[in-house]
Amino acid sequence: MLTISSTPVNDAHAFSNQIIQRGAVGDDVIELQARLQYIGFYKGEIDGVFGWGTYWALRNFQKDYGLDIDGLAGSETKDKLVKASKYHEKWVKEQIRKGNTFTHYGGTDLAKQTKANKKGNTSTGKQQQGDNTQANTPTSPTKPTATNTPAGFSQNDIQLMANAVYGEARGEPYEGQVAVAAVILNRVNSASFPNTVAGVIFEPRAFTAVADGQIWLTPNERAKEAVLDAINGWDPSQNALYYFNPDTATSGWIWSRPQIKRIGKHIFCK
């Protein structure tokens, strides 16, 4: 139990029975963000809006605590969070009501938590970054802006990547589909490859799906979701620049690349 001005603040549990998922808003999300921040997984603003920052914090929590990694706060995940953290509901909501930016980390007395600054006017002079990253804008939209097209990528980029993921990795585990999308993005960001999505995908002899025409198959929604997950930061390939199917690969060169991991039928390498 932590105290502030010698007044006890009890650990409250306000989760409803609903599964909490990306796009949700309200008290459940406030508790989710506060608990994730209390144990160091969530670094953003506690605003009650379940956007990408909350999503990845939750997935990282699930991974570290041996839960199914699905980005959904169901009963098992919520139970584990309750056991691993504390939630000072009254205090947290009071800071939100006052318009304060603050952190809510475990092991720190509430009186010493950062809570004295108004939103958009923190002690560092910068707005705290979380699910909503635009400065000087309302912090409680009706839905997270991250559900829109991610900044820096056109709808054509996303569609083309979905085509490539579907052509290259349909039938693979979802993690493997995200990893293929991540490889494309890693190449875009590498000085050794073209710096556009189209340039990477259509580079000669780069992708089998381009060579055999499967790039033009109509992708399913799962492929599109994999692309968005990769764009928003998930890289199961661990920064790989290449991948191959060891059952069909005929190039001696690809076997010489330092291997990182195998997901489904693909080996990802540097």
C-alpha atoms as a PDB file:
ATOM      1  CA  MET A   1       0.000   0.000   0.000  1.00  0.00           C
ATOM      2  CA  LEU A   2       1.367   3.436  -0.980  1.00  0.00           C
ATOM      3  CA  THR A   3       0.434   6.636   0.762  1.00  0.00           C
ATOM      4  CA  ILE A   4       0.135  10.243  -0.227  1.00  0.00           C
ATOM      5  CA  SER A   5       0.014  12.893   2.513  1.00  0.00           C
ATOM      6  CA  SER A   6      -0.351   9.991   4.982  1.00  0.00           C
ATOM      7  CA  THR A   7      -3.679   8.991   3.418  1.00  0.00           C
ATOM      8  CA  PRO A   8      -3.846   5.320   2.343  1.00  0.00           C
ATOM      9  CA  VAL A   9      -4.611   4.612  -1.293  1.00  0.00           C
ATOM     10  CA  ASN A  10      -5.901   1.115  -1.872  1.00  0.00           C
ATOM     11  CA  ASP A  11      -5.303  -1.071  -4.899  1.00  0.00           C
ATOM     12  CA  ALA A  12      -8.587  -0.988  -6.795  1.00  0.00           C
ATOM     13  CA  HIS A  13      -9.705  -3.487  -9.414  1.00  0.00           C
ATOM     14  CA  ALA A  14     -12.202  -2.075 -11.873  1.00  0.00           C
ATOM     15  CA  PHE A  15     -11.855  -4.359 -14.916  1.00  0.00           C
ATOM     16  CA  SER A  16     -15.186  -5.313 -16.403  1.00  0.00           C
ATOM     17  CA  ASN A  17     -15.849  -8.760 -17.868  1.00  0.00           C
ATOM     18  CA  GLN A  18     -15.381  -7.487 -21.413  1.00  0.00           C
ATOM     19  CA  ILE A  19     -12.358  -8.395 -23.545  1.00  0.00           C
ATOM     20  CA  ILE A  20     -10.324  -5.222 -24.068  1.00  0.00           C
ATOM     21  CA  GLN A  21      -8.912  -4.779 -27.561  1.00  0.00           C
ATOM     22  CA  ARG A  22      -7.437  -2.163 -29.861  1.00  0.00           C
ATOM     23  CA  GLY A  23      -9.963   0.585 -30.564  1.00  0.00           C
ATOM     24  CA  ALA A  24     -11.548   0.373 -27.102  1.00  0.00           C
ATOM     25  CA  VAL A  25     -11.894   3.461 -24.922  1.00  0.00           C
ATOM     26  CA  GLY A  26     -12.893   4.064 -21.316  1.00  0.00           C
ATOM     27  CA  ASP A  27     -12.241   2.885 -17.761  1.00  0.00           C
ATOM     28  CA  ASP A  28     -11.034  -0.597 -18.681  1.00  0.00           C
ATOM     29  CA  VAL A  29      -8.363   0.899 -20.925  1.00  0.00           C
ATOM     30  CA  ILE A  30      -7.310   3.374 -18.223  1.00  0.00           C
ATOM     31  CA  GLU A  31      -6.791   0.479 -15.827  1.00  0.00           C
ATOM     32  CA  LEU A  32      -4.994  -1.558 -18.467  1.00  0.00           C
ATOM     33  CA  GLN A  33      -2.602   1.293 -19.293  1.00  0.00           C
ATOM     34  CA  ALA A  34      -2.021   2.117 -15.619  1.00  0.00           C
ATOM     35  CA  ARG A  35      -1.223  -1.477 -14.695  1.00  0.00           C
ATOM     36  CA  LEU A  36       1.063  -1.946 -17.713  1.00  0.00           C
ATOM     37  CA  GLN A  37       2.838   1.300 -16.851  1.00  0.00           C
ATOM     38  CA  TYR A  38       3.080   0.354 -13.167  1.00  0.00           C
ATOM     39  CA  ILE A  39       5.261  -2.637 -14.087  1.00  0.00           C
ATOM     40  CA  GLY A  40       7.191  -0.827 -16.815  1.00  0.00           C
ATOM     41  CA  PHE A  41       5.651  -2.114 -20.056  1.00  0.00           C
ATOM     42  CA  TYR A  42       3.688   0.973 -21.123  1.00  0.00           C
ATOM     43  CA  LYS A  43       5.579   4.265 -21.488  1.00  0.00           C
ATOM     44  CA  GLY A  44       2.821   6.391 -22.982  1.00  0.00           C
ATOM     45  CA  GLU A  45       0.049   8.588 -21.697  1.00  0.00           C
ATOM     46  CA  ILE A  46      -2.727   7.079 -19.603  1.00  0.00           C
ATOM     47  CA  ASP A  47      -5.652   8.418 -21.603  1.00  0.00           C
ATOM     48  CA  GLY A  48      -8.141   5.546 -21.875  1.00  0.00           C
ATOM     49  CA  VAL A  49      -7.605   5.094 -25.626  1.00  0.00           C
ATOM     50  CA  PHE A  50      -6.379   1.644 -26.726  1.00  0.00           C
ATOM     51  CA  GLY A  51      -4.059   2.482 -29.608  1.00  0.00           C
ATOM     52  CA  TRP A  52      -0.855   0.954 -30.929  1.00  0.00           C
ATOM     53  CA  GLY A  53       1.285   1.924 -27.919  1.00  0.00           C
ATOM     54  CA  THR A  54      -1.055   0.069 -25.579  1.00  0.00           C
ATOM     55  CA  TYR A  55      -1.303  -2.842 -28.014  1.00  0.00           C
ATOM     56  CA  TRP A  56       2.434  -3.460 -28.151  1.00  0.00           C
ATOM     57  CA  ALA A  57       2.868  -2.951 -24.411  1.00  0.00           C
ATOM     58  CA  LEU A  58       0.203  -5.599 -23.834  1.00  0.00           C
ATOM     59  CA  ARG A  59       1.781  -8.028 -26.289  1.00  0.00           C
ATOM     60  CA  ASN A  60       5.172  -7.601 -24.610  1.00  0.00           C
ATOM     61  CA  PHE A  61       3.576  -8.253 -21.221  1.00  0.00           C
ATOM     62  CA  GLN A  62       1.901 -11.395 -22.567  1.00  0.00           C
ATOM     63  CA  LYS A  63       5.180 -12.631 -24.019  1.00  0.00           C
ATOM     64  CA  ASP A  64       7.145 -12.081 -20.810  1.00  0.00           C
ATOM     65  CA  TYR A  65       4.454 -13.673 -18.637  1.00  0.00           C
ATOM     66  CA  GLY A  66       3.959 -16.781 -20.753  1.00  0.00           C
ATOM     67  CA  LEU A  67       0.490 -15.889 -22.045  1.00  0.00           C
ATOM     68  CA  ASP A  68      -0.989 -16.247 -25.515  1.00  0.00           C
ATOM     69  CA  ILE A  69       0.390 -13.279 -27.463  1.00  0.00           C
ATOM     70  CA  ASP A  70      -2.705 -11.861 -29.115  1.00  0.00           C
ATOM     71  CA  GLY A  71      -2.890  -8.224 -27.977  1.00  0.00           C
ATOM     72  CA  LEU A  72      -6.246  -8.889 -26.329  1.00  0.00           C
ATOM     73  CA  ALA A  73      -6.877  -8.367 -22.631  1.00  0.00           C
ATOM     74  CA  GLY A  74      -9.080 -11.340 -21.850  1.00  0.00           C
ATOM     75  CA  SER A  75      -9.733 -12.905 -18.461  1.00  0.00           C
ATOM     76  CA  GLU A  76      -6.405 -14.752 -18.195  1.00  0.00           C
ATOM     77  CA  THR A  77      -4.361 -11.695 -19.169  1.00  0.00           C
ATOM     78  CA  LYS A  78      -6.326  -9.442 -16.816  1.00  0.00           C
ATOM     79  CA  ASP A  79      -5.924 -11.884 -13.942  1.00  0.00           C
ATOM     80  CA  LYS A  80      -2.165 -12.006 -14.513  1.00  0.00           C
ATOM     81  CA  LEU A  81      -1.995  -8.212 -14.649  1.00  0.00           C
ATOM     82  CA  VAL A  82      -3.910  -7.884 -11.393  1.00  0.00           C
ATOM     83  CA  LYS A  83      -1.455 -10.235  -9.676  1.00  0.00           C
ATOM     84  CA  ALA A  84       1.609  -8.511 -11.143  1.00  0.00           C
ATOM     85  CA  SER A  85       0.645  -4.861 -10.576  1.00  0.00           C
ATOM     86  CA  LYS A  86      -1.335  -2.371  -8.544  1.00  0.00           C
ATOM     87  CA  TYR A  87      -3.940   0.096  -9.766  1.00  0.00           C
ATOM     88  CA  HIS A  88      -4.622   3.197  -7.690  1.00  0.00           C
ATOM     89  CA  GLU A  89      -7.825   4.052  -9.497  1.00  0.00           C
ATOM     90  CA  LYS A  90      -8.820   7.157  -7.543  1.00  0.00           C
ATOM     91  CA  TRP A  91      -5.368   8.709  -7.813  1.00  0.00           C
ATOM     92  CA  VAL A  92      -4.907   7.904 -11.509  1.00  0.00           C
ATOM     93  CA  LYS A  93      -8.323   9.269 -12.487  1.00  0.00           C
ATOM     94  CA  GLU A  94      -7.738  12.386 -10.392  1.00  0.00           C
ATOM     95  CA  GLN A  95      -4.604  13.146 -12.437  1.00  0.00           C
ATOM     96  CA  ILE A  96      -6.542  12.638 -15.675  1.00  0.00           C
ATOM     97  CA  ARG A  97      -9.375  14.866 -14.408  1.00  0.00           C
ATOM     98  CA  LYS A  98      -6.884  17.625 -13.576  1.00  0.00           C
ATOM     99  CA  GLY A  99      -5.329  17.389 -17.026  1.00  0.00           C
ATOM    100  CA  ASN A 100      -1.957  16.322 -15.615  1.00  0.00           C
ATOM    101  CA  THR A 101       0.651  14.288 -17.411  1.00  0.00           C
ATOM    102  CA  PHE A 102       2.104  11.726 -15.042  1.00  0.00           C
ATOM    103  CA  THR A 103       3.792   8.393 -14.692  1.00  0.00           C
ATOM    104  CA  HIS A 104       2.558   5.589 -12.499  1.00  0.00           C
ATOM    105  CA  TYR A 105       5.459   3.235 -11.837  1.00  0.00           C
ATOM    106  CA  GLY A 106       5.609   0.579  -9.163  1.00  0.00           C
ATOM    107  CA  GLY A 107       7.944   1.008  -6.223  1.00  0.00           C
ATOM    108  CA  THR A 108       7.592   4.796  -6.256  1.00  0.00           C
ATOM    109  CA  ASP A 109       5.549   6.557  -3.589  1.00  0.00           C
ATOM    110  CA  LEU A 110       2.553   8.308  -5.117  1.00  0.00           C
ATOM    111  CA  ALA A 111       3.771  11.605  -3.656  1.00  0.00           C
ATOM    112  CA  LYS A 112       6.906  11.243  -5.777  1.00  0.00           C
ATOM    113  CA  GLN A 113       5.238  10.193  -9.020  1.00  0.00           C
ATOM    114  CA  THR A 114       5.447  12.713 -11.856  1.00  0.00           C
ATOM    115  CA  LYS A 115       2.084  14.466 -11.708  1.00  0.00           C
ATOM    116  CA  ALA A 116       2.591  18.215 -11.505  1.00  0.00           C
ATOM    117  CA  ASN A 117       2.458  19.198 -15.154  1.00  0.00           C
ATOM    118  CA  LYS A 118      -0.432  19.901 -17.464  1.00  0.00           C
ATOM    119  CA  LYS A 119      -0.758  17.966 -20.702  1.00  0.00           C
ATOM    120  CA  GLY A 120       1.378  19.488 -23.438  1.00  0.00           C
ATOM    121  CA  ASN A 121       3.534  21.286 -20.822  1.00  0.00           C
ATOM    122  CA  THR A 122       5.730  18.680 -19.155  1.00  0.00           C
ATOM    123  CA  SER A 123       8.894  19.446 -17.246  1.00  0.00           C
ATOM    124  CA  THR A 124      10.950  18.528 -20.301  1.00  0.00           C
ATOM    125  CA  GLY A 125       8.996  20.911 -22.506  1.00  0.00           C
ATOM    126  CA  LYS A 126       7.770  18.068 -24.670  1.00  0.00           C
ATOM    127  CA  GLN A 127       4.416  16.364 -24.742  1.00  0.00           C
ATOM    128  CA  GLN A 128       4.556  12.823 -23.344  1.00  0.00           C
ATOM    129  CA  GLN A 129       4.452  10.336 -26.196  1.00  0.00           C
ATOM    130  CA  GLY A 130       1.932   7.506 -26.186  1.00  0.00           C
ATOM    131  CA  ASP A 131      -0.842   6.239 -28.413  1.00  0.00           C
ATOM    132  CA  ASN A 132      -1.618   9.813 -29.527  1.00  0.00           C
ATOM    133  CA  THR A 133       1.547  11.526 -30.731  1.00  0.00           C
ATOM    134  CA  GLN A 134       0.430  14.840 -32.225  1.00  0.00           C
ATOM    135  CA  ALA A 135       1.327  17.814 -30.050  1.00  0.00           C
ATOM    136  CA  ASN A 136      -1.308  20.299 -28.936  1.00  0.00           C
ATOM    137  CA  THR A 137      -4.236  18.084 -29.892  1.00  0.00           C
ATOM    138  CA  PRO A 138      -6.988  16.609 -27.694  1.00  0.00           C
ATOM    139  CA  THR A 139      -5.811  13.494 -25.879  1.00  0.00           C
ATOM    140  CA  SER A 140      -9.149  11.681 -25.698  1.00  0.00           C
ATOM    141  CA  PRO A 141     -10.393  11.053 -29.251  1.00  0.00           C
ATOM    142  CA  THR A 142     -13.333   8.746 -29.781  1.00  0.00           C
ATOM    143  CA  LYS A 143     -11.018   6.214 -31.402  1.00  0.00           C
ATOM    144  CA  PRO A 144      -7.240   5.847 -31.724  1.00  0.00           C
ATOM    145  CA  THR A 145      -5.810   7.607 -34.762  1.00  0.00           C
ATOM    146  CA  ALA A 146      -3.387   4.727 -35.307  1.00  0.00           C
ATOM    147  CA  THR A 147      -6.174   2.744 -36.967  1.00  0.00           C
ATOM    148  CA  ASN A 148      -5.793   5.024 -39.986  1.00  0.00           C
ATOM    149  CA  THR A 149      -3.096   4.658 -42.652  1.00  0.00           C
ATOM    150  CA  PRO A 150       0.278   4.737 -40.841  1.00  0.00           C
ATOM    151  CA  ALA A 151       2.297   7.875 -41.544  1.00  0.00           C
ATOM    152  CA  GLY A 152       4.827   7.543 -44.342  1.00  0.00           C
ATOM    153  CA  PHE A 153       3.082   4.742 -46.214  1.00  0.00           C
ATOM    154  CA  SER A 154       0.486   5.185 -48.930  1.00  0.00           C
ATOM    155  CA  GLN A 155      -2.488   2.922 -49.452  1.00  0.00           C
ATOM    156  CA  ASN A 156      -0.664   1.678 -52.535  1.00  0.00           C
ATOM    157  CA  ASP A 157       2.383   0.736 -50.424  1.00  0.00           C
ATOM    158  CA  ILE A 158       0.205  -1.188 -47.989  1.00  0.00           C
ATOM    159  CA  GLN A 159      -1.718  -2.935 -50.768  1.00  0.00           C
ATOM    160  CA  LEU A 160       1.474  -3.900 -52.575  1.00  0.00           C
ATOM    161  CA  MET A 161       3.014  -5.270 -49.383  1.00  0.00           C
ATOM    162  CA  ALA A 162      -0.157  -7.248 -48.671  1.00  0.00           C
ATOM    163  CA  ASN A 163       0.086  -8.723 -52.176  1.00  0.00           C
ATOM    164  CA  ALA A 164       3.694  -9.706 -51.513  1.00  0.00           C
ATOM    165  CA  VAL A 165       2.940 -11.213 -48.111  1.00  0.00           C
ATOM    166  CA  TYR A 166       0.025 -13.201 -49.507  1.00  0.00           C
ATOM    167  CA  GLY A 167       2.015 -14.379 -52.519  1.00  0.00           C
ATOM    168  CA  GLU A 168       5.053 -15.324 -50.456  1.00  0.00           C
ATOM    169  CA  ALA A 169       3.617 -16.554 -47.173  1.00  0.00           C
ATOM    170  CA  ARG A 170      -0.055 -17.490 -47.327  1.00  0.00           C
ATOM    171  CA  GLY A 171      -0.511 -20.652 -45.315  1.00  0.00           C
ATOM    172  CA  GLU A 172       2.356 -19.680 -43.012  1.00  0.00           C
ATOM    173  CA  PRO A 173       1.773 -18.861 -39.334  1.00  0.00           C
ATOM    174  CA  TYR A 174       0.606 -15.290 -38.799  1.00  0.00           C
ATOM    175  CA  GLU A 175       3.933 -14.470 -37.144  1.00  0.00           C
ATOM    176  CA  GLY A 176       5.669 -15.653 -40.310  1.00  0.00           C
ATOM    177  CA  GLN A 177       3.506 -13.395 -42.466  1.00  0.00           C
ATOM    178  CA  VAL A 178       4.374 -10.396 -40.288  1.00  0.00           C
ATOM    179  CA  ALA A 179       8.034 -11.386 -40.530  1.00  0.00           C
ATOM    180  CA  VAL A 180       7.900 -11.322 -44.346  1.00  0.00           C
ATOM    181  CA  ALA A 181       6.390  -7.840 -44.229  1.00  0.00           C
ATOM    182  CA  ALA A 182       9.088  -6.815 -41.747  1.00  0.00           C
ATOM    183  CA  VAL A 183      11.823  -8.014 -44.126  1.00  0.00           C
ATOM    184  CA  ILE A 184      10.412  -5.753 -46.831  1.00  0.00           C
ATOM    185  CA  LEU A 185      10.485  -2.795 -44.429  1.00  0.00           C
ATOM    186  CA  ASN A 186      13.984  -3.690 -43.234  1.00  0.00           C
ATOM    187  CA  ARG A 187      15.160  -3.582 -46.829  1.00  0.00           C
ATOM    188  CA  VAL A 188      13.495  -0.215 -47.407  1.00  0.00           C
ATOM    189  CA  ASN A 189      15.466   1.095 -44.421  1.00  0.00           C
ATOM    190  CA  SER A 190      18.757  -0.502 -45.514  1.00  0.00           C
ATOM    191  CA  ALA A 191      21.295   1.335 -47.665  1.00  0.00           C
ATOM    192  CA  SER A 192      21.849  -1.917 -49.587  1.00  0.00           C
ATOM    193  CA  PHE A 193      18.352  -1.942 -51.108  1.00  0.00           C
ATOM    194  CA  PRO A 194      15.957   0.460 -52.856  1.00  0.00           C
ATOM    195  CA  ASN A 195      14.352   2.968 -50.479  1.00  0.00           C
ATOM    196  CA  THR A 196      10.749   2.462 -51.548  1.00  0.00           C
ATOM    197  CA  VAL A 197       8.312  -0.395 -51.030  1.00  0.00           C
ATOM    198  CA  ALA A 198       7.787  -0.858 -54.770  1.00  0.00           C
ATOM    199  CA  GLY A 199      11.535  -0.687 -55.420  1.00  0.00           C
ATOM    200  CA  VAL A 200      12.236  -3.422 -52.875  1.00  0.00           C
ATOM    201  CA  ILE A 201       9.443  -5.728 -54.002  1.00  0.00           C
ATOM    202  CA  PHE A 202      10.156  -5.425 -57.713  1.00  0.00           C
ATOM    203  CA  GLU A 203      13.931  -5.555 -57.463  1.00  0.00           C
ATOM    204  CA  PRO A 204      15.044  -8.276 -59.920  1.00  0.00           C
ATOM    205  CA  ARG A 205      15.157 -11.799 -58.443  1.00  0.00           C
ATOM    206  CA  ALA A 206      14.197 -10.499 -54.990  1.00  0.00           C
ATOM    207  CA  PHE A 207      10.879 -12.304 -54.433  1.00  0.00           C
ATOM    208  CA  THR A 208       9.580 -15.567 -55.859  1.00  0.00           C
ATOM    209  CA  ALA A 209       6.016 -14.238 -55.902  1.00  0.00           C
ATOM    210  CA  VAL A 210       7.046 -11.548 -58.376  1.00  0.00           C
ATOM    211  CA  ALA A 211       8.865 -14.019 -60.591  1.00  0.00           C
ATOM    212  CA  ASP A 212       5.970 -16.490 -60.784  1.00  0.00           C
ATOM    213  CA  GLY A 213       3.145 -13.926 -60.858  1.00  0.00           C
ATOM    214  CA  GLN A 214       1.632 -14.749 -57.470  1.00  0.00           C
ATOM    215  CA  ILE A 215       2.230 -11.136 -56.458  1.00  0.00           C
ATOM    216  CA  TRP A 216      -1.010 -10.343 -58.320  1.00  0.00           C
ATOM    217  CA  LEU A 217      -3.220 -12.715 -56.338  1.00  0.00           C
ATOM    218  CA  THR A 218      -5.851 -10.932 -54.256  1.00  0.00           C
ATOM    219  CA  PRO A 219      -4.610 -10.840 -50.649  1.00  0.00           C
ATOM    220  CA  ASN A 220      -6.862 -11.714 -47.752  1.00  0.00           C
ATOM    221  CA  GLU A 221      -7.462  -9.497 -44.726  1.00  0.00           C
ATOM    222  CA  ARG A 222      -4.925 -11.476 -42.685  1.00  0.00           C
ATOM    223  CA  ALA A 223      -2.145 -10.436 -45.056  1.00  0.00           C
ATOM    224  CA  LYS A 224      -3.177  -6.804 -44.728  1.00  0.00           C
ATOM    225  CA  GLU A 225      -3.231  -7.087 -40.945  1.00  0.00           C
ATOM    226  CA  ALA A 226       0.277  -8.564 -41.037  1.00  0.00           C
ATOM    227  CA  VAL A 227       1.500  -5.574 -43.028  1.00  0.00           C
ATOM    228  CA  LEU A 228       0.001  -3.107 -40.558  1.00  0.00           C
ATOM    229  CA  ASP A 229       1.497  -4.987 -37.618  1.00  0.00           C
ATOM    230  CA  ALA A 230       4.923  -4.802 -39.262  1.00  0.00           C
ATOM    231  CA  ILE A 231       4.563  -1.111 -40.094  1.00  0.00           C
ATOM    232  CA  ASN A 232       3.586  -0.406 -36.516  1.00  0.00           C
ATOM    233  CA  GLY A 233       6.700  -2.002 -35.079  1.00  0.00           C
ATOM    234  CA  TRP A 234       6.421  -5.782 -34.785  1.00  0.00           C
ATOM    235  CA  ASP A 235       9.416  -7.528 -36.335  1.00  0.00           C
ATOM    236  CA  PRO A 236       9.356 -11.285 -35.624  1.00  0.00           C
ATOM    237  CA  SER A 237      12.276 -11.660 -38.072  1.00  0.00           C
ATOM    238  CA  GLN A 238      14.559  -9.775 -35.670  1.00  0.00           C
ATOM    239  CA  ASN A 239      15.860  -7.348 -38.313  1.00  0.00           C
ATOM    240  CA  ALA A 240      16.336  -9.944 -41.035  1.00  0.00           C
ATOM    241  CA  LEU A 241      17.012  -8.842 -44.608  1.00  0.00           C
ATOM    242  CA  TYR A 242      16.493 -12.250 -46.239  1.00  0.00           C
ATOM    243  CA  TYR A 243      14.451 -15.411 -45.821  1.00  0.00           C
ATOM    244  CA  PHE A 244      14.167 -18.676 -47.704  1.00  0.00           C
ATOM    245  CA  ASN A 245      12.435 -22.028 -47.701  1.00  0.00           C
ATOM    246  CA  PRO A 246      15.109 -24.664 -47.039  1.00  0.00           C
ATOM    247  CA  ASP A 247      13.014 -27.316 -48.794  1.00  0.00           C
ATOM    248  CA  THR A 248      13.067 -25.457 -52.105  1.00  0.00           C
ATOM    249  CA  ALA A 249      16.092 -23.132 -52.001  1.00  0.00           C
ATOM    250  CA  THR A 250      18.667 -23.906 -54.676  1.00  0.00           C
ATOM    251  CA  SER A 251      21.017 -20.963 -54.135  1.00  0.00           C
ATOM    252  CA  GLY A 252      24.216 -21.780 -52.300  1.00  0.00           C
ATOM    253  CA  TRP A 253      24.601 -18.096 -51.486  1.00  0.00           C
ATOM    254  CA  ILE A 254      21.410 -17.863 -49.433  1.00  0.00           C
ATOM    255  CA  TRP A 255      22.579 -20.786 -47.297  1.00  0.00           C
ATOM    256  CA  SER A 256      25.728 -18.804 -46.498  1.00  0.00           C
ATOM    257  CA  ARG A 257      23.814 -15.971 -44.840  1.00  0.00           C
ATOM    258  CA  PRO A 258      23.921 -15.864 -41.005  1.00  0.00           C
ATOM    259  CA  GLN A 259      20.647 -17.401 -39.871  1.00  0.00           C
ATOM    260  CA  ILE A 260      18.510 -15.729 -37.201  1.00  0.00           C
ATOM    261  CA  LYS A 261      15.495 -17.968 -36.700  1.00  0.00           C
ATOM    262  CA  ARG A 262      12.952 -20.202 -38.391  1.00  0.00           C
ATOM    263  CA  ILE A 263       9.241 -19.395 -38.509  1.00  0.00           C
ATOM    264  CA  GLY A 264       7.050 -21.957 -40.227  1.00  0.00           C
ATOM    265  CA  LYS A 265       8.737 -23.016 -43.449  1.00  0.00           C
ATOM    266  CA  HIS A 266      10.962 -19.943 -43.723  1.00  0.00           C
ATOM    267  CA  ILE A 267      14.439 -19.362 -42.313  1.00  0.00           C
ATOM    268  CA  PHE A 268      15.163 -15.660 -41.708  1.00  0.00           C
ATOM    269  CA  CYS A 269      18.723 -14.435 -41.985  1.00  0.00           C
ATOM    270  CA  LYS A 270      20.988 -11.387 -42.140  1.00  0.00           C
END
